[in-house]
Amino acid sequence: MKRIFANARDLEWVDGPYPNVKMKVFPSEMESGTYTILLDVPPGGVLERHDEPLNEVFYVLKGTMSIEGKSYGEGAYFFTPAGMAHGPFESENGCLALVTKFSR
């Protein structure tokens, strides 16, 4: 494994896995099973309930996110272990989150 540096300002926004959701994918060694994305959820955006194959850390940088019916704001941290279903995630006014997934 090697060190990797990236600046989010230099990364391109790409379409995310849900309608109207955009993301910036930080460079990583995907074979290590670890990667990080910057997730931009627009107002009214929804991330449907899904099974999580990897451990996931979800950190709200800006805005608010309703997770499984409870609203959380900036600074909220969530950890979901691999193999557990979670969601839906909904953002009434939009949300910017840092998401890291890892296998161990």
PDB file of N, CA and C in Angstrom:
ATOM      1  N   MET A   1       0.849  -1.167   0.000  1.00  0.00           N
ATOM      2  CA  MET A   1       0.000   0.000   0.000  1.00  0.00           C
ATOM      3  C   MET A   1       0.899   1.236   0.000  1.00  0.00           C
ATOM      4  N   LYS A   2       0.427   2.313  -0.624  1.00  0.00           N
ATOM      5  CA  LYS A   2       1.224   3.525  -0.708  1.00  0.00           C
ATOM      6  C   LYS A   2       0.418   4.726  -0.224  1.00  0.00           C
ATOM      7  N   ARG A   3       1.090   5.810   0.070  1.00  0.00           N
ATOM      8  CA  ARG A   3       0.428   7.052   0.441  1.00  0.00           C
ATOM      9  C   ARG A   3      -0.142   7.690  -0.811  1.00  0.00           C
ATOM     10  N   ILE A   4      -1.288   8.331  -0.650  1.00  0.00           N
ATOM     11  CA  ILE A   4      -1.932   9.013  -1.773  1.00  0.00           C
ATOM     12  C   ILE A   4      -2.368  10.387  -1.302  1.00  0.00           C
ATOM     13  N   PHE A   5      -2.108  11.409  -2.109  1.00  0.00           N
ATOM     14  CA  PHE A   5      -2.556  12.759  -1.796  1.00  0.00           C
ATOM     15  C   PHE A   5      -3.469  13.239  -2.909  1.00  0.00           C
ATOM     16  N   ALA A   6      -4.533  13.938  -2.523  1.00  0.00           N
ATOM     17  CA  ALA A   6      -5.423  14.558  -3.503  1.00  0.00           C
ATOM     18  C   ALA A   6      -6.081  15.768  -2.869  1.00  0.00           C
ATOM     19  N   ASN A   7      -6.397  16.740  -3.684  1.00  0.00           N
ATOM     20  CA  ASN A   7      -7.138  17.910  -3.229  1.00  0.00           C
ATOM     21  C   ASN A   7      -8.522  17.849  -3.867  1.00  0.00           C
ATOM     22  N   ALA A   8      -9.559  17.907  -3.062  1.00  0.00           N
ATOM     23  CA  ALA A   8     -10.929  17.793  -3.564  1.00  0.00           C
ATOM     24  C   ALA A   8     -11.224  18.818  -4.650  1.00  0.00           C
ATOM     25  N   ARG A   9     -10.615  20.003  -4.565  1.00  0.00           N
ATOM     26  CA  ARG A   9     -10.846  21.041  -5.584  1.00  0.00           C
ATOM     27  C   ARG A   9     -10.393  20.601  -6.962  1.00  0.00           C
ATOM     28  N   ASP A  10      -9.437  19.674  -7.030  1.00  0.00           N
ATOM     29  CA  ASP A  10      -8.903  19.221  -8.309  1.00  0.00           C
ATOM     30  C   ASP A  10      -9.670  18.039  -8.906  1.00  0.00           C
ATOM     31  N   LEU A  11     -10.581  17.458  -8.154  1.00  0.00           N
ATOM     32  CA  LEU A  11     -11.323  16.288  -8.620  1.00  0.00           C
ATOM     33  C   LEU A  11     -12.591  16.709  -9.355  1.00  0.00           C
ATOM     34  N   GLU A  12     -12.988  15.926 -10.347  1.00  0.00           N
ATOM     35  CA  GLU A  12     -14.205  16.185 -11.118  1.00  0.00           C
ATOM     36  C   GLU A  12     -15.436  15.615 -10.413  1.00  0.00           C
ATOM     37  N   TRP A  13     -16.549  16.339 -10.502  1.00  0.00           N
ATOM     38  CA  TRP A  13     -17.824  15.799 -10.032  1.00  0.00           C
ATOM     39  C   TRP A  13     -18.314  14.796 -11.071  1.00  0.00           C
ATOM     40  N   VAL A  14     -18.743  13.622 -10.622  1.00  0.00           N
ATOM     41  CA  VAL A  14     -19.317  12.603 -11.505  1.00  0.00           C
ATOM     42  C   VAL A  14     -20.674  12.198 -10.950  1.00  0.00           C
ATOM     43  N   ASP A  15     -21.476  11.556 -11.794  1.00  0.00           N
ATOM     44  CA  ASP A  15     -22.786  11.100 -11.344  1.00  0.00           C
ATOM     45  C   ASP A  15     -22.638  10.037 -10.268  1.00  0.00           C
ATOM     46  N   GLY A  16     -23.441  10.165  -9.222  1.00  0.00           N
ATOM     47  CA  GLY A  16     -23.438   9.198  -8.140  1.00  0.00           C
ATOM     48  C   GLY A  16     -24.386   8.046  -8.435  1.00  0.00           C
ATOM     49  N   PRO A  17     -24.546   7.149  -7.483  1.00  0.00           N
ATOM     50  CA  PRO A  17     -25.372   5.970  -7.695  1.00  0.00           C
ATOM     51  C   PRO A  17     -26.876   6.220  -7.556  1.00  0.00           C
ATOM     52  N   TYR A  18     -27.260   7.448  -7.204  1.00  0.00           N
ATOM     53  CA  TYR A  18     -28.672   7.791  -7.031  1.00  0.00           C
ATOM     54  C   TYR A  18     -28.994   9.024  -7.864  1.00  0.00           C
ATOM     55  N   PRO A  19     -30.254   9.195  -8.298  1.00  0.00           N
ATOM     56  CA  PRO A  19     -30.616  10.325  -9.157  1.00  0.00           C
ATOM     57  C   PRO A  19     -30.197  11.677  -8.583  1.00  0.00           C
ATOM     58  N   ASN A  20     -29.548  12.484  -9.445  1.00  0.00           N
ATOM     59  CA  ASN A  20     -29.126  13.856  -9.138  1.00  0.00           C
ATOM     60  C   ASN A  20     -28.021  13.965  -8.083  1.00  0.00           C
ATOM     61  N   VAL A  21     -27.544  12.867  -7.560  1.00  0.00           N
ATOM     62  CA  VAL A  21     -26.461  12.877  -6.576  1.00  0.00           C
ATOM     63  C   VAL A  21     -25.132  12.896  -7.329  1.00  0.00           C
ATOM     64  N   LYS A  22     -24.225  13.777  -6.919  1.00  0.00           N
ATOM     65  CA  LYS A  22     -22.908  13.883  -7.533  1.00  0.00           C
ATOM     66  C   LYS A  22     -21.852  13.448  -6.519  1.00  0.00           C
ATOM     67  N   MET A  23     -20.705  13.030  -7.022  1.00  0.00           N
ATOM     68  CA  MET A  23     -19.644  12.638  -6.109  1.00  0.00           C
ATOM     69  C   MET A  23     -18.282  12.921  -6.719  1.00  0.00           C
ATOM     70  N   LYS A  24     -17.312  13.110  -5.837  1.00  0.00           N
ATOM     71  CA  LYS A  24     -15.909  13.182  -6.204  1.00  0.00           C
ATOM     72  C   LYS A  24     -15.260  11.966  -5.566  1.00  0.00           C
ATOM     73  N   VAL A  25     -14.594  11.170  -6.369  1.00  0.00           N
ATOM     74  CA  VAL A  25     -13.964   9.951  -5.876  1.00  0.00           C
ATOM     75  C   VAL A  25     -12.476  10.229  -5.682  1.00  0.00           C
ATOM     76  N   PHE A  26     -12.023  10.112  -4.447  1.00  0.00           N
ATOM     77  CA  PHE A  26     -10.612  10.325  -4.158  1.00  0.00           C
ATOM     78  C   PHE A  26      -9.799   9.154  -4.686  1.00  0.00           C
ATOM     79  N   PRO A  27      -8.583   9.423  -5.200  1.00  0.00           N
ATOM     80  CA  PRO A  27      -7.747   8.327  -5.681  1.00  0.00           C
ATOM     81  C   PRO A  27      -7.479   7.336  -4.542  1.00  0.00           C
ATOM     82  N   SER A  28      -7.447   6.070  -4.891  1.00  0.00           N
ATOM     83  CA  SER A  28      -7.175   5.044  -3.884  1.00  0.00           C
ATOM     84  C   SER A  28      -6.662   3.799  -4.580  1.00  0.00           C
ATOM     85  N   GLU A  29      -6.224   2.866  -3.791  1.00  0.00           N
ATOM     86  CA  GLU A  29      -5.877   1.543  -4.303  1.00  0.00           C
ATOM     87  C   GLU A  29      -7.100   0.670  -4.063  1.00  0.00           C
ATOM     88  N   MET A  30      -7.980   0.605  -5.043  1.00  0.00           N
ATOM     89  CA  MET A  30      -9.256  -0.089  -4.871  1.00  0.00           C
ATOM     90  C   MET A  30      -9.070  -1.532  -4.397  1.00  0.00           C
ATOM     91  N   GLU A  31      -7.968  -2.163  -4.824  1.00  0.00           N
ATOM     92  CA  GLU A  31      -7.754  -3.552  -4.403  1.00  0.00           C
ATOM     93  C   GLU A  31      -7.536  -3.665  -2.901  1.00  0.00           C
ATOM     94  N   SER A  32      -7.232  -2.544  -2.243  1.00  0.00           N
ATOM     95  CA  SER A  32      -7.075  -2.568  -0.787  1.00  0.00           C
ATOM     96  C   SER A  32      -8.433  -2.654  -0.090  1.00  0.00           C
ATOM     97  N   GLY A  33      -9.508  -2.402  -0.852  1.00  0.00           N
ATOM     98  CA  GLY A  33     -10.836  -2.452  -0.258  1.00  0.00           C
ATOM     99  C   GLY A  33     -11.208  -1.175   0.474  1.00  0.00           C
ATOM    100  N   THR A  34     -10.448  -0.108   0.264  1.00  0.00           N
ATOM    101  CA  THR A  34     -10.715   1.166   0.935  1.00  0.00           C
ATOM    102  C   THR A  34     -10.837   2.268  -0.100  1.00  0.00           C
ATOM    103  N   TYR A  35     -11.886   3.080   0.016  1.00  0.00           N
ATOM    104  CA  TYR A  35     -11.991   4.262  -0.831  1.00  0.00           C
ATOM    105  C   TYR A  35     -12.837   5.313  -0.139  1.00  0.00           C
ATOM    106  N   THR A  36     -12.661   6.576  -0.590  1.00  0.00           N
ATOM    107  CA  THR A  36     -13.367   7.706   0.008  1.00  0.00           C
ATOM    108  C   THR A  36     -13.986   8.541  -1.104  1.00  0.00           C
ATOM    109  N   ILE A  37     -15.200   9.022  -0.846  1.00  0.00           N
ATOM    110  CA  ILE A  37     -15.877   9.892  -1.798  1.00  0.00           C
ATOM    111  C   ILE A  37     -16.432  11.112  -1.066  1.00  0.00           C
ATOM    112  N   LEU A  38     -16.538  12.196  -1.807  1.00  0.00           N
ATOM    113  CA  LEU A  38     -17.242  13.388  -1.356  1.00  0.00           C
ATOM    114  C   LEU A  38     -18.594  13.307  -2.041  1.00  0.00           C
ATOM    115  N   LEU A  39     -19.659  13.295  -1.281  1.00  0.00           N
ATOM    116  CA  LEU A  39     -21.010  13.057  -1.792  1.00  0.00           C
ATOM    117  C   LEU A  39     -21.833  14.331  -1.681  1.00  0.00           C
ATOM    118  N   ASP A  40     -22.379  14.793  -2.803  1.00  0.00           N
ATOM    119  CA  ASP A  40     -23.208  15.993  -2.853  1.00  0.00           C
ATOM    120  C   ASP A  40     -24.649  15.577  -3.141  1.00  0.00           C
ATOM    121  N   VAL A  41     -25.476  15.650  -2.119  1.00  0.00           N
ATOM    122  CA  VAL A  41     -26.881  15.272  -2.239  1.00  0.00           C
ATOM    123  C   VAL A  41     -27.692  16.561  -2.374  1.00  0.00           C
ATOM    124  N   PRO A  42     -28.445  16.728  -3.472  1.00  0.00           N
ATOM    125  CA  PRO A  42     -29.180  17.967  -3.680  1.00  0.00           C
ATOM    126  C   PRO A  42     -30.417  18.045  -2.785  1.00  0.00           C
ATOM    127  N   PRO A  43     -31.003  19.230  -2.658  1.00  0.00           N
ATOM    128  CA  PRO A  43     -32.260  19.337  -1.906  1.00  0.00           C
ATOM    129  C   PRO A  43     -33.283  18.344  -2.462  1.00  0.00           C
ATOM    130  N   GLY A  44     -33.906  17.607  -1.570  1.00  0.00           N
ATOM    131  CA  GLY A  44     -34.882  16.591  -1.972  1.00  0.00           C
ATOM    132  C   GLY A  44     -34.266  15.271  -2.371  1.00  0.00           C
ATOM    133  N   GLY A  45     -32.936  15.162  -2.310  1.00  0.00           N
ATOM    134  CA  GLY A  45     -32.254  13.936  -2.723  1.00  0.00           C
ATOM    135  C   GLY A  45     -32.498  12.777  -1.770  1.00  0.00           C
ATOM    136  N   VAL A  46     -32.553  11.572  -2.340  1.00  0.00           N
ATOM    137  CA  VAL A  46     -32.802  10.363  -1.551  1.00  0.00           C
ATOM    138  C   VAL A  46     -31.806   9.279  -1.948  1.00  0.00           C
ATOM    139  N   LEU A  47     -31.202   8.663  -0.953  1.00  0.00           N
ATOM    140  CA  LEU A  47     -30.372   7.473  -1.145  1.00  0.00           C
ATOM    141  C   LEU A  47     -31.177   6.321  -0.560  1.00  0.00           C
ATOM    142  N   GLU A  48     -31.628   5.441  -1.399  1.00  0.00           N
ATOM    143  CA  GLU A  48     -32.521   4.362  -0.968  1.00  0.00           C
ATOM    144  C   GLU A  48     -31.844   3.404   0.016  1.00  0.00           C
ATOM    145  N   ARG A  49     -32.670   2.696   0.771  1.00  0.00           N
ATOM    146  CA  ARG A  49     -32.183   1.665   1.682  1.00  0.00           C
ATOM    147  C   ARG A  49     -31.414   0.630   0.861  1.00  0.00           C
ATOM    148  N   HIS A  50     -30.272   0.208   1.384  1.00  0.00           N
ATOM    149  CA  HIS A  50     -29.441  -0.745   0.659  1.00  0.00           C
ATOM    150  C   HIS A  50     -28.582  -1.557   1.619  1.00  0.00           C
ATOM    151  N   ASP A  51     -28.126  -2.700   1.132  1.00  0.00           N
ATOM    152  CA  ASP A  51     -27.184  -3.525   1.887  1.00  0.00           C
ATOM    153  C   ASP A  51     -25.804  -2.913   1.720  1.00  0.00           C
ATOM    154  N   GLU A  52     -25.046  -2.887   2.787  1.00  0.00           N
ATOM    155  CA  GLU A  52     -23.707  -2.306   2.757  1.00  0.00           C
ATOM    156  C   GLU A  52     -22.682  -3.433   2.772  1.00  0.00           C
ATOM    157  N   PRO A  53     -22.004  -3.695   1.635  1.00  0.00           N
ATOM    158  CA  PRO A  53     -21.044  -4.798   1.595  1.00  0.00           C
ATOM    159  C   PRO A  53     -19.730  -4.496   2.311  1.00  0.00           C
ATOM    160  N   LEU A  54     -19.410  -3.197   2.507  1.00  0.00           N
ATOM    161  CA  LEU A  54     -18.177  -2.800   3.184  1.00  0.00           C
ATOM    162  C   LEU A  54     -18.508  -2.017   4.447  1.00  0.00           C
ATOM    163  N   ASN A  55     -17.569  -1.913   5.366  1.00  0.00           N
ATOM    164  CA  ASN A  55     -17.731  -0.989   6.488  1.00  0.00           C
ATOM    165  C   ASN A  55     -17.833   0.417   5.907  1.00  0.00           C
ATOM    166  N   GLU A  56     -18.676   1.258   6.506  1.00  0.00           N
ATOM    167  CA  GLU A  56     -18.855   2.604   5.974  1.00  0.00           C
ATOM    168  C   GLU A  56     -18.866   3.647   7.079  1.00  0.00           C
ATOM    169  N   VAL A  57     -18.101   4.722   6.861  1.00  0.00           N
ATOM    170  CA  VAL A  57     -18.141   5.901   7.718  1.00  0.00           C
ATOM    171  C   VAL A  57     -18.754   7.021   6.895  1.00  0.00           C
ATOM    172  N   PHE A  58     -19.784   7.663   7.443  1.00  0.00           N
ATOM    173  CA  PHE A  58     -20.511   8.743   6.760  1.00  0.00           C
ATOM    174  C   PHE A  58     -20.446   9.951   7.675  1.00  0.00           C
ATOM    175  N   TYR A  59     -19.863  11.058   7.190  1.00  0.00           N
ATOM    176  CA  TYR A  59     -19.677  12.250   8.009  1.00  0.00           C
ATOM    177  C   TYR A  59     -20.291  13.456   7.290  1.00  0.00           C
ATOM    178  N   VAL A  60     -21.238  14.135   7.930  1.00  0.00           N
ATOM    179  CA  VAL A  60     -21.913  15.284   7.339  1.00  0.00           C
ATOM    180  C   VAL A  60     -21.031  16.525   7.478  1.00  0.00           C
ATOM    181  N   LEU A  61     -20.612  17.088   6.326  1.00  0.00           N
ATOM    182  CA  LEU A  61     -19.779  18.290   6.303  1.00  0.00           C
ATOM    183  C   LEU A  61     -20.621  19.565   6.293  1.00  0.00           C
ATOM    184  N   LYS A  62     -21.687  19.554   5.481  1.00  0.00           N
ATOM    185  CA  LYS A  62     -22.579  20.710   5.353  1.00  0.00           C
ATOM    186  C   LYS A  62     -24.003  20.227   5.171  1.00  0.00           C
ATOM    187  N   GLY A  63     -24.947  21.036   5.621  1.00  0.00           N
ATOM    188  CA  GLY A  63     -26.350  20.713   5.420  1.00  0.00           C
ATOM    189  C   GLY A  63     -26.866  19.712   6.436  1.00  0.00           C
ATOM    190  N   THR A  64     -27.948  19.067   6.065  1.00  0.00           N
ATOM    191  CA  THR A  64     -28.560  18.072   6.947  1.00  0.00           C
ATOM    192  C   THR A  64     -28.914  16.822   6.150  1.00  0.00           C
ATOM    193  N   MET A  65     -28.950  15.717   6.869  1.00  0.00           N
ATOM    194  CA  MET A  65     -29.319  14.441   6.280  1.00  0.00           C
ATOM    195  C   MET A  65     -30.240  13.724   7.246  1.00  0.00           C
ATOM    196  N   SER A  66     -31.354  13.260   6.735  1.00  0.00           N
ATOM    197  CA  SER A  66     -32.264  12.453   7.530  1.00  0.00           C
ATOM    198  C   SER A  66     -31.919  10.992   7.261  1.00  0.00           C
ATOM    199  N   ILE A  67     -31.562  10.289   8.315  1.00  0.00           N
ATOM    200  CA  ILE A  67     -31.175   8.892   8.185  1.00  0.00           C
ATOM    201  C   ILE A  67     -32.154   8.054   8.981  1.00  0.00           C
ATOM    202  N   GLU A  68     -32.850   7.194   8.229  1.00  0.00           N
ATOM    203  CA  GLU A  68     -33.859   6.317   8.824  1.00  0.00           C
ATOM    204  C   GLU A  68     -34.838   7.120   9.678  1.00  0.00           C
ATOM    205  N   GLY A  69     -35.221   8.312   9.158  1.00  0.00           N
ATOM    206  CA  GLY A  69     -36.271   9.108   9.788  1.00  0.00           C
ATOM    207  C   GLY A  69     -35.825  10.131  10.813  1.00  0.00           C
ATOM    208  N   LYS A  70     -34.537  10.180  11.154  1.00  0.00           N
ATOM    209  CA  LYS A  70     -34.054  11.158  12.130  1.00  0.00           C
ATOM    210  C   LYS A  70     -33.068  12.104  11.436  1.00  0.00           C
ATOM    211  N   SER A  71     -33.228  13.414  11.668  1.00  0.00           N
ATOM    212  CA  SER A  71     -32.411  14.420  10.992  1.00  0.00           C
ATOM    213  C   SER A  71     -31.123  14.712  11.772  1.00  0.00           C
ATOM    214  N   TYR A  72     -30.022  14.833  11.007  1.00  0.00           N
ATOM    215  CA  TYR A  72     -28.708  15.124  11.583  1.00  0.00           C
ATOM    216  C   TYR A  72     -28.062  16.250  10.792  1.00  0.00           C
ATOM    217  N   GLY A  73     -27.295  17.100  11.482  1.00  0.00           N
ATOM    218  CA  GLY A  73     -26.640  18.231  10.828  1.00  0.00           C
ATOM    219  C   GLY A  73     -25.143  18.078  10.739  1.00  0.00           C
ATOM    220  N   GLU A  74     -24.502  19.193  10.441  1.00  0.00           N
ATOM    221  CA  GLU A  74     -23.060  19.241  10.268  1.00  0.00           C
ATOM    222  C   GLU A  74     -22.331  18.650  11.476  1.00  0.00           C
ATOM    223  N   GLY A  75     -21.357  17.828  11.189  1.00  0.00           N
ATOM    224  CA  GLY A  75     -20.574  17.196  12.239  1.00  0.00           C
ATOM    225  C   GLY A  75     -21.081  15.819  12.645  1.00  0.00           C
ATOM    226  N   ALA A  76     -22.226  15.409  12.108  1.00  0.00           N
ATOM    227  CA  ALA A  76     -22.764  14.085  12.451  1.00  0.00           C
ATOM    228  C   ALA A  76     -21.911  12.990  11.815  1.00  0.00           C
ATOM    229  N   TYR A  77     -21.684  11.930  12.567  1.00  0.00           N
ATOM    230  CA  TYR A  77     -20.840  10.804  12.164  1.00  0.00           C
ATOM    231  C   TYR A  77     -21.648   9.528  12.302  1.00  0.00           C
ATOM    232  N   PHE A  78     -21.579   8.682  11.273  1.00  0.00           N
ATOM    233  CA  PHE A  78     -22.285   7.400  11.307  1.00  0.00           C
ATOM    234  C   PHE A  78     -21.339   6.304  10.859  1.00  0.00           C
ATOM    235  N   PHE A  79     -21.399   5.185  11.549  1.00  0.00           N
ATOM    236  CA  PHE A  79     -20.626   4.017  11.140  1.00  0.00           C
ATOM    237  C   PHE A  79     -21.604   2.878  10.910  1.00  0.00           C
ATOM    238  N   THR A  80     -21.494   2.242   9.758  1.00  0.00           N
ATOM    239  CA  THR A  80     -22.312   1.065   9.453  1.00  0.00           C
ATOM    240  C   THR A  80     -21.364  -0.093   9.153  1.00  0.00           C
ATOM    241  N   PRO A  81     -21.468  -1.187   9.914  1.00  0.00           N
ATOM    242  CA  PRO A  81     -20.586  -2.328   9.649  1.00  0.00           C
ATOM    243  C   PRO A  81     -20.978  -3.065   8.367  1.00  0.00           C
ATOM    244  N   ALA A  82     -19.992  -3.703   7.761  1.00  0.00           N
ATOM    245  CA  ALA A  82     -20.228  -4.489   6.551  1.00  0.00           C
ATOM    246  C   ALA A  82     -21.318  -5.533   6.808  1.00  0.00           C
ATOM    247  N   GLY A  83     -22.158  -5.729   5.801  1.00  0.00           N
ATOM    248  CA  GLY A  83     -23.206  -6.737   5.892  1.00  0.00           C
ATOM    249  C   GLY A  83     -24.506  -6.243   6.478  1.00  0.00           C
ATOM    250  N   MET A  84     -24.569  -4.977   6.866  1.00  0.00           N
ATOM    251  CA  MET A  84     -25.777  -4.431   7.476  1.00  0.00           C
ATOM    252  C   MET A  84     -26.495  -3.527   6.470  1.00  0.00           C
ATOM    253  N   ALA A  85     -27.801  -3.614   6.409  1.00  0.00           N
ATOM    254  CA  ALA A  85     -28.589  -2.717   5.563  1.00  0.00           C
ATOM    255  C   ALA A  85     -28.771  -1.396   6.295  1.00  0.00           C
ATOM    256  N   HIS A  86     -28.844  -0.306   5.516  1.00  0.00           N
ATOM    257  CA  HIS A  86     -29.123   0.986   6.122  1.00  0.00           C
ATOM    258  C   HIS A  86     -29.800   1.903   5.117  1.00  0.00           C
ATOM    259  N   GLY A  87     -30.410   2.964   5.637  1.00  0.00           N
ATOM    260  CA  GLY A  87     -31.145   3.914   4.821  1.00  0.00           C
ATOM    261  C   GLY A  87     -32.633   3.757   5.061  1.00  0.00           C
ATOM    262  N   PRO A  88     -33.426   4.559   4.419  1.00  0.00           N
ATOM    263  CA  PRO A  88     -33.026   5.545   3.426  1.00  0.00           C
ATOM    264  C   PRO A  88     -32.358   6.761   4.061  1.00  0.00           C
ATOM    265  N   PHE A  89     -31.573   7.456   3.220  1.00  0.00           N
ATOM    266  CA  PHE A  89     -30.958   8.728   3.561  1.00  0.00           C
ATOM    267  C   PHE A  89     -31.687   9.779   2.727  1.00  0.00           C
ATOM    268  N   GLU A  90     -32.165  10.834   3.357  1.00  0.00           N
ATOM    269  CA  GLU A  90     -32.899  11.871   2.635  1.00  0.00           C
ATOM    270  C   GLU A  90     -32.397  13.240   3.081  1.00  0.00           C
ATOM    271  N   SER A  91     -32.317  14.177   2.127  1.00  0.00           N
ATOM    272  CA  SER A  91     -31.880  15.520   2.469  1.00  0.00           C
ATOM    273  C   SER A  91     -32.876  16.539   1.928  1.00  0.00           C
ATOM    274  N   GLU A  92     -33.599  17.163   2.826  1.00  0.00           N
ATOM    275  CA  GLU A  92     -34.604  18.140   2.429  1.00  0.00           C
ATOM    276  C   GLU A  92     -33.963  19.373   1.800  1.00  0.00           C
ATOM    277  N   ASN A  93     -32.854  19.837   2.387  1.00  0.00           N
ATOM    278  CA  ASN A  93     -32.219  21.074   1.922  1.00  0.00           C
ATOM    279  C   ASN A  93     -30.847  20.873   1.289  1.00  0.00           C
ATOM    280  N   GLY A  94     -30.424  19.646   1.126  1.00  0.00           N
ATOM    281  CA  GLY A  94     -29.127  19.350   0.544  1.00  0.00           C
ATOM    282  C   GLY A  94     -28.094  19.000   1.603  1.00  0.00           C
ATOM    283  N   CYS A  95     -27.081  18.252   1.186  1.00  0.00           N
ATOM    284  CA  CYS A  95     -26.072  17.770   2.131  1.00  0.00           C
ATOM    285  C   CYS A  95     -24.774  17.476   1.380  1.00  0.00           C
ATOM    286  N   LEU A  96     -23.659  17.810   2.011  1.00  0.00           N
ATOM    287  CA  LEU A  96     -22.350  17.428   1.521  1.00  0.00           C
ATOM    288  C   LEU A  96     -21.744  16.513   2.584  1.00  0.00           C
ATOM    289  N   ALA A  97     -21.348  15.321   2.186  1.00  0.00           N
ATOM    290  CA  ALA A  97     -20.837  14.335   3.143  1.00  0.00           C
ATOM    291  C   ALA A  97     -19.553  13.705   2.634  1.00  0.00           C
ATOM    292  N   LEU A  98     -18.717  13.320   3.564  1.00  0.00           N
ATOM    293  CA  LEU A  98     -17.510  12.558   3.276  1.00  0.00           C
ATOM    294  C   LEU A  98     -17.806  11.110   3.658  1.00  0.00           C
ATOM    295  N   VAL A  99     -17.614  10.192   2.714  1.00  0.00           N
ATOM    296  CA  VAL A  99     -17.944   8.783   2.931  1.00  0.00           C
ATOM    297  C   VAL A  99     -16.705   7.945   2.661  1.00  0.00           C
ATOM    298  N   THR A 100     -16.318   7.136   3.639  1.00  0.00           N
ATOM    299  CA  THR A 100     -15.201   6.216   3.466  1.00  0.00           C
ATOM    300  C   THR A 100     -15.708   4.798   3.645  1.00  0.00           C
ATOM    301  N   LYS A 101     -15.309   3.928   2.713  1.00  0.00           N
ATOM    302  CA  LYS A 101     -15.684   2.519   2.796  1.00  0.00           C
ATOM    303  C   LYS A 101     -14.404   1.706   2.880  1.00  0.00           C
ATOM    304  N   PHE A 102     -14.463   0.669   3.725  1.00  0.00           N
ATOM    305  CA  PHE A 102     -13.259  -0.150   3.912  1.00  0.00           C
ATOM    306  C   PHE A 102     -13.668  -1.555   4.302  1.00  0.00           C
ATOM    307  N   SER A 103     -12.764  -2.523   3.995  1.00  0.00           N
ATOM    308  CA  SER A 103     -13.093  -3.930   4.220  1.00  0.00           C
ATOM    309  C   SER A 103     -12.644  -4.443   5.574  1.00  0.00           C
ATOM    310  N   ARG A 104     -11.668  -3.814   6.205  1.00  0.00           N
ATOM    311  CA  ARG A 104     -11.243  -4.280   7.515  1.00  0.00           C
ATOM    312  C   ARG A 104     -10.750  -3.139   8.352  1.00  0.00           C
TER     313      ARG A 104
END
